[in-house]
Amino acid sequence: MAIVEMELNKIRIDENRGEQVIVLKEKEGERILPIVIGIMEVTAIKMKISGVNPPRPMTHDLFYNAITQLGAKIDKIVINKVENNTFFAKLIILIDSRLEEIDARPSDSIAIAIRAKAPIFAEEEVLENISNNME
């Protein structure tokens, strides 16, 4: 299945439901992908974007640091599935010359991708599914 590169467009609060929503936008298009995420992930993403460095590593920093210190690299993340309004993602890690996929929540994956300056992708099928549900 084809993947589409996305970029972080905005983080907003749905005041009606009291949820934090991260909005990804197609890099070469207009489709968006809104994903509800937890407050801890919102905080981790906002802190990194804002350039705030906590005195001790947060969980996403710890994971990213462990990966890089072991000689691996975050290649990309892929939001690969949505079921019952729950999104799924894969963290793709380059170890030596091979790629390994790790199942992860999109919110954690995005927080790690931002630290690694790694690209964010979504499966075409996920974008089509969400676009159809928003019409």
C-alpha atoms as a PDB file:
ATOM      1  CA  MET A   1       0.000   0.000   0.000  1.00  0.00           C
ATOM      2  CA  ALA A   2       1.170   3.515  -0.775  1.00  0.00           C
ATOM      3  CA  ILE A   3       2.214   5.887   1.968  1.00  0.00           C
ATOM      4  CA  VAL A   4       1.773   9.660   1.992  1.00  0.00           C
ATOM      5  CA  GLU A   5       4.119  12.069   3.750  1.00  0.00           C
ATOM      6  CA  MET A   6       2.424  14.171   6.413  1.00  0.00           C
ATOM      7  CA  GLU A   7       3.479  17.133   8.532  1.00  0.00           C
ATOM      8  CA  LEU A   8       2.403  18.398  11.910  1.00  0.00           C
ATOM      9  CA  ASN A   9      -0.157  21.094  11.158  1.00  0.00           C
ATOM     10  CA  LYS A  10      -1.508  22.011  14.582  1.00  0.00           C
ATOM     11  CA  ILE A  11      -2.397  20.843  18.038  1.00  0.00           C
ATOM     12  CA  ARG A  12      -5.797  21.877  19.281  1.00  0.00           C
ATOM     13  CA  ILE A  13      -8.195  21.199  22.098  1.00  0.00           C
ATOM     14  CA  ASP A  14     -11.680  20.008  21.258  1.00  0.00           C
ATOM     15  CA  GLU A  15     -13.523  22.104  23.830  1.00  0.00           C
ATOM     16  CA  ASN A  16     -16.785  20.188  23.404  1.00  0.00           C
ATOM     17  CA  ARG A  17     -15.198  16.865  24.318  1.00  0.00           C
ATOM     18  CA  GLY A  18     -12.189  18.032  26.345  1.00  0.00           C
ATOM     19  CA  GLU A  19      -9.734  16.129  24.132  1.00  0.00           C
ATOM     20  CA  GLN A  20      -6.380  17.111  22.684  1.00  0.00           C
ATOM     21  CA  VAL A  21      -6.167  16.618  18.923  1.00  0.00           C
ATOM     22  CA  ILE A  22      -3.034  16.582  16.824  1.00  0.00           C
ATOM     23  CA  VAL A  23      -3.713  17.458  13.201  1.00  0.00           C
ATOM     24  CA  LEU A  24      -1.433  16.110  10.505  1.00  0.00           C
ATOM     25  CA  LYS A  25      -1.678  17.559   6.998  1.00  0.00           C
ATOM     26  CA  GLU A  26      -0.654  15.955   3.757  1.00  0.00           C
ATOM     27  CA  LYS A  27       2.702  17.517   2.784  1.00  0.00           C
ATOM     28  CA  GLU A  28       1.875  17.659  -0.939  1.00  0.00           C
ATOM     29  CA  GLY A  29      -1.898  18.027  -0.647  1.00  0.00           C
ATOM     30  CA  GLU A  30      -4.834  19.213   1.393  1.00  0.00           C
ATOM     31  CA  ARG A  31      -6.040  16.136   3.298  1.00  0.00           C
ATOM     32  CA  ILE A  32      -5.798  16.213   7.066  1.00  0.00           C
ATOM     33  CA  LEU A  33      -5.599  13.514   9.689  1.00  0.00           C
ATOM     34  CA  PRO A  34      -6.925  14.522  13.140  1.00  0.00           C
ATOM     35  CA  ILE A  35      -5.823  12.163  15.919  1.00  0.00           C
ATOM     36  CA  VAL A  36      -6.949  12.378  19.555  1.00  0.00           C
ATOM     37  CA  ILE A  37      -3.951  12.073  21.880  1.00  0.00           C
ATOM     38  CA  GLY A  38      -3.285  12.163  25.600  1.00  0.00           C
ATOM     39  CA  ILE A  39      -2.141  15.147  27.615  1.00  0.00           C
ATOM     40  CA  MET A  40       1.322  13.654  28.294  1.00  0.00           C
ATOM     41  CA  GLU A  41       1.999  13.241  24.565  1.00  0.00           C
ATOM     42  CA  VAL A  42       0.704  16.753  23.839  1.00  0.00           C
ATOM     43  CA  THR A  43       3.068  18.087  26.486  1.00  0.00           C
ATOM     44  CA  ALA A  44       6.023  16.111  25.085  1.00  0.00           C
ATOM     45  CA  ILE A  45       5.352  17.329  21.536  1.00  0.00           C
ATOM     46  CA  LYS A  46       4.763  20.958  22.518  1.00  0.00           C
ATOM     47  CA  MET A  47       7.883  21.068  24.698  1.00  0.00           C
ATOM     48  CA  LYS A  48      10.105  19.802  21.879  1.00  0.00           C
ATOM     49  CA  ILE A  49       8.557  22.127  19.282  1.00  0.00           C
ATOM     50  CA  SER A  50       8.965  25.063  21.670  1.00  0.00           C
ATOM     51  CA  GLY A  51      12.601  24.204  22.361  1.00  0.00           C
ATOM     52  CA  VAL A  52      11.998  23.537  26.060  1.00  0.00           C
ATOM     53  CA  ASN A  53      14.553  21.102  27.456  1.00  0.00           C
ATOM     54  CA  PRO A  54      13.551  19.540  30.772  1.00  0.00           C
ATOM     55  CA  PRO A  55      16.312  19.030  33.363  1.00  0.00           C
ATOM     56  CA  ARG A  56      15.880  15.234  33.070  1.00  0.00           C
ATOM     57  CA  PRO A  57      14.876  13.270  29.966  1.00  0.00           C
ATOM     58  CA  MET A  58      11.180  12.633  29.445  1.00  0.00           C
ATOM     59  CA  THR A  59      10.112   9.157  28.300  1.00  0.00           C
ATOM     60  CA  HIS A  60      10.202  10.047  24.577  1.00  0.00           C
ATOM     61  CA  ASP A  61      13.659  11.582  24.981  1.00  0.00           C
ATOM     62  CA  LEU A  62      14.848   8.497  26.837  1.00  0.00           C
ATOM     63  CA  PHE A  63      13.585   6.153  24.106  1.00  0.00           C
ATOM     64  CA  TYR A  64      15.084   8.276  21.328  1.00  0.00           C
ATOM     65  CA  ASN A  65      18.424   8.560  23.158  1.00  0.00           C
ATOM     66  CA  ALA A  66      18.548   4.791  23.776  1.00  0.00           C
ATOM     67  CA  ILE A  67      17.879   4.050  20.084  1.00  0.00           C
ATOM     68  CA  THR A  68      20.585   6.424  18.857  1.00  0.00           C
ATOM     69  CA  GLN A  69      23.160   5.414  21.480  1.00  0.00           C
ATOM     70  CA  LEU A  70      22.699   1.800  20.395  1.00  0.00           C
ATOM     71  CA  GLY A  71      23.684   2.851  16.879  1.00  0.00           C
ATOM     72  CA  ALA A  72      20.224   2.762  15.329  1.00  0.00           C
ATOM     73  CA  LYS A  73      18.260   5.530  13.625  1.00  0.00           C
ATOM     74  CA  ILE A  74      14.560   6.408  13.501  1.00  0.00           C
ATOM     75  CA  ASP A  75      13.889   6.095   9.762  1.00  0.00           C
ATOM     76  CA  LYS A  76      10.226   7.159   9.755  1.00  0.00           C
ATOM     77  CA  ILE A  77       6.872   6.543  11.324  1.00  0.00           C
ATOM     78  CA  VAL A  78       3.829   5.256   9.485  1.00  0.00           C
ATOM     79  CA  ILE A  79       0.250   5.591  10.666  1.00  0.00           C
ATOM     80  CA  ASN A  80      -0.913   2.363   9.153  1.00  0.00           C
ATOM     81  CA  LYS A  81      -4.392   1.543  10.372  1.00  0.00           C
ATOM     82  CA  VAL A  82      -7.557   2.891  11.954  1.00  0.00           C
ATOM     83  CA  GLU A  83     -10.156   0.666  13.619  1.00  0.00           C
ATOM     84  CA  ASN A  84     -13.156   1.952  15.570  1.00  0.00           C
ATOM     85  CA  ASN A  85     -11.628   5.462  15.639  1.00  0.00           C
ATOM     86  CA  THR A  86      -8.378   4.104  17.109  1.00  0.00           C
ATOM     87  CA  PHE A  87      -5.231   4.780  15.111  1.00  0.00           C
ATOM     88  CA  PHE A  88      -2.250   2.434  14.897  1.00  0.00           C
ATOM     89  CA  ALA A  89       1.314   3.249  13.878  1.00  0.00           C
ATOM     90  CA  LYS A  90       4.666   1.658  13.216  1.00  0.00           C
ATOM     91  CA  LEU A  91       7.982   3.113  14.235  1.00  0.00           C
ATOM     92  CA  ILE A  92      10.477   2.165  11.518  1.00  0.00           C
ATOM     93  CA  ILE A  93      14.024   1.899  12.865  1.00  0.00           C
ATOM     94  CA  LEU A  94      17.175   1.454  10.778  1.00  0.00           C
ATOM     95  CA  ILE A  95      19.625  -0.898  12.492  1.00  0.00           C
ATOM     96  CA  ASP A  96      22.810  -1.375  10.515  1.00  0.00           C
ATOM     97  CA  SER A  97      21.355  -1.927   7.045  1.00  0.00           C
ATOM     98  CA  ARG A  98      18.012  -3.475   7.979  1.00  0.00           C
ATOM     99  CA  LEU A  99      14.663  -1.903   8.823  1.00  0.00           C
ATOM    100  CA  GLU A 100      12.715  -3.059  11.862  1.00  0.00           C
ATOM    101  CA  GLU A 101       9.072  -2.183  12.542  1.00  0.00           C
ATOM    102  CA  ILE A 102       7.841  -1.575  16.076  1.00  0.00           C
ATOM    103  CA  ASP A 103       4.138  -1.325  16.849  1.00  0.00           C
ATOM    104  CA  ALA A 104       3.416   1.992  18.575  1.00  0.00           C
ATOM    105  CA  ARG A 105       0.712   4.514  19.297  1.00  0.00           C
ATOM    106  CA  PRO A 106       0.647   7.389  16.793  1.00  0.00           C
ATOM    107  CA  SER A 107       1.030   9.959  19.572  1.00  0.00           C
ATOM    108  CA  ASP A 108       4.212   8.342  20.912  1.00  0.00           C
ATOM    109  CA  SER A 109       5.503   7.831  17.375  1.00  0.00           C
ATOM    110  CA  ILE A 110       4.972  11.489  16.494  1.00  0.00           C
ATOM    111  CA  ALA A 111       6.669  12.649  19.716  1.00  0.00           C
ATOM    112  CA  ILE A 112       9.681  10.463  18.857  1.00  0.00           C
ATOM    113  CA  ALA A 113       9.707  11.462  15.164  1.00  0.00           C
ATOM    114  CA  ILE A 114       9.868  15.125  16.150  1.00  0.00           C
ATOM    115  CA  ARG A 115      12.916  14.424  18.311  1.00  0.00           C
ATOM    116  CA  ALA A 116      14.576  12.433  15.519  1.00  0.00           C
ATOM    117  CA  LYS A 117      13.546  14.881  12.779  1.00  0.00           C
ATOM    118  CA  ALA A 118      12.160  11.789  11.031  1.00  0.00           C
ATOM    119  CA  PRO A 119       9.388  11.952   8.431  1.00  0.00           C
ATOM    120  CA  ILE A 120       5.796  11.092   9.312  1.00  0.00           C
ATOM    121  CA  PHE A 121       3.724   9.063   6.861  1.00  0.00           C
ATOM    122  CA  ALA A 122       0.171   7.733   6.698  1.00  0.00           C
ATOM    123  CA  GLU A 123      -1.089   4.820   4.647  1.00  0.00           C
ATOM    124  CA  GLU A 124      -3.240   5.988   1.734  1.00  0.00           C
ATOM    125  CA  GLU A 125      -6.007   3.691   2.986  1.00  0.00           C
ATOM    126  CA  VAL A 126      -6.066   5.479   6.374  1.00  0.00           C
ATOM    127  CA  LEU A 127      -6.360   8.891   4.678  1.00  0.00           C
ATOM    128  CA  GLU A 128      -9.152   7.633   2.408  1.00  0.00           C
ATOM    129  CA  ASN A 129     -10.990   6.090   5.350  1.00  0.00           C
ATOM    130  CA  ILE A 130     -10.824   9.296   7.406  1.00  0.00           C
ATOM    131  CA  SER A 131     -11.705  11.518   4.410  1.00  0.00           C
ATOM    132  CA  ASN A 132     -14.774   9.391   3.693  1.00  0.00           C
ATOM    133  CA  ASN A 133     -15.875   9.560   7.337  1.00  0.00           C
ATOM    134  CA  MET A 134     -15.514  13.361   7.437  1.00  0.00           C
ATOM    135  CA  GLU A 135     -17.818  13.952   4.461  1.00  0.00           C
END
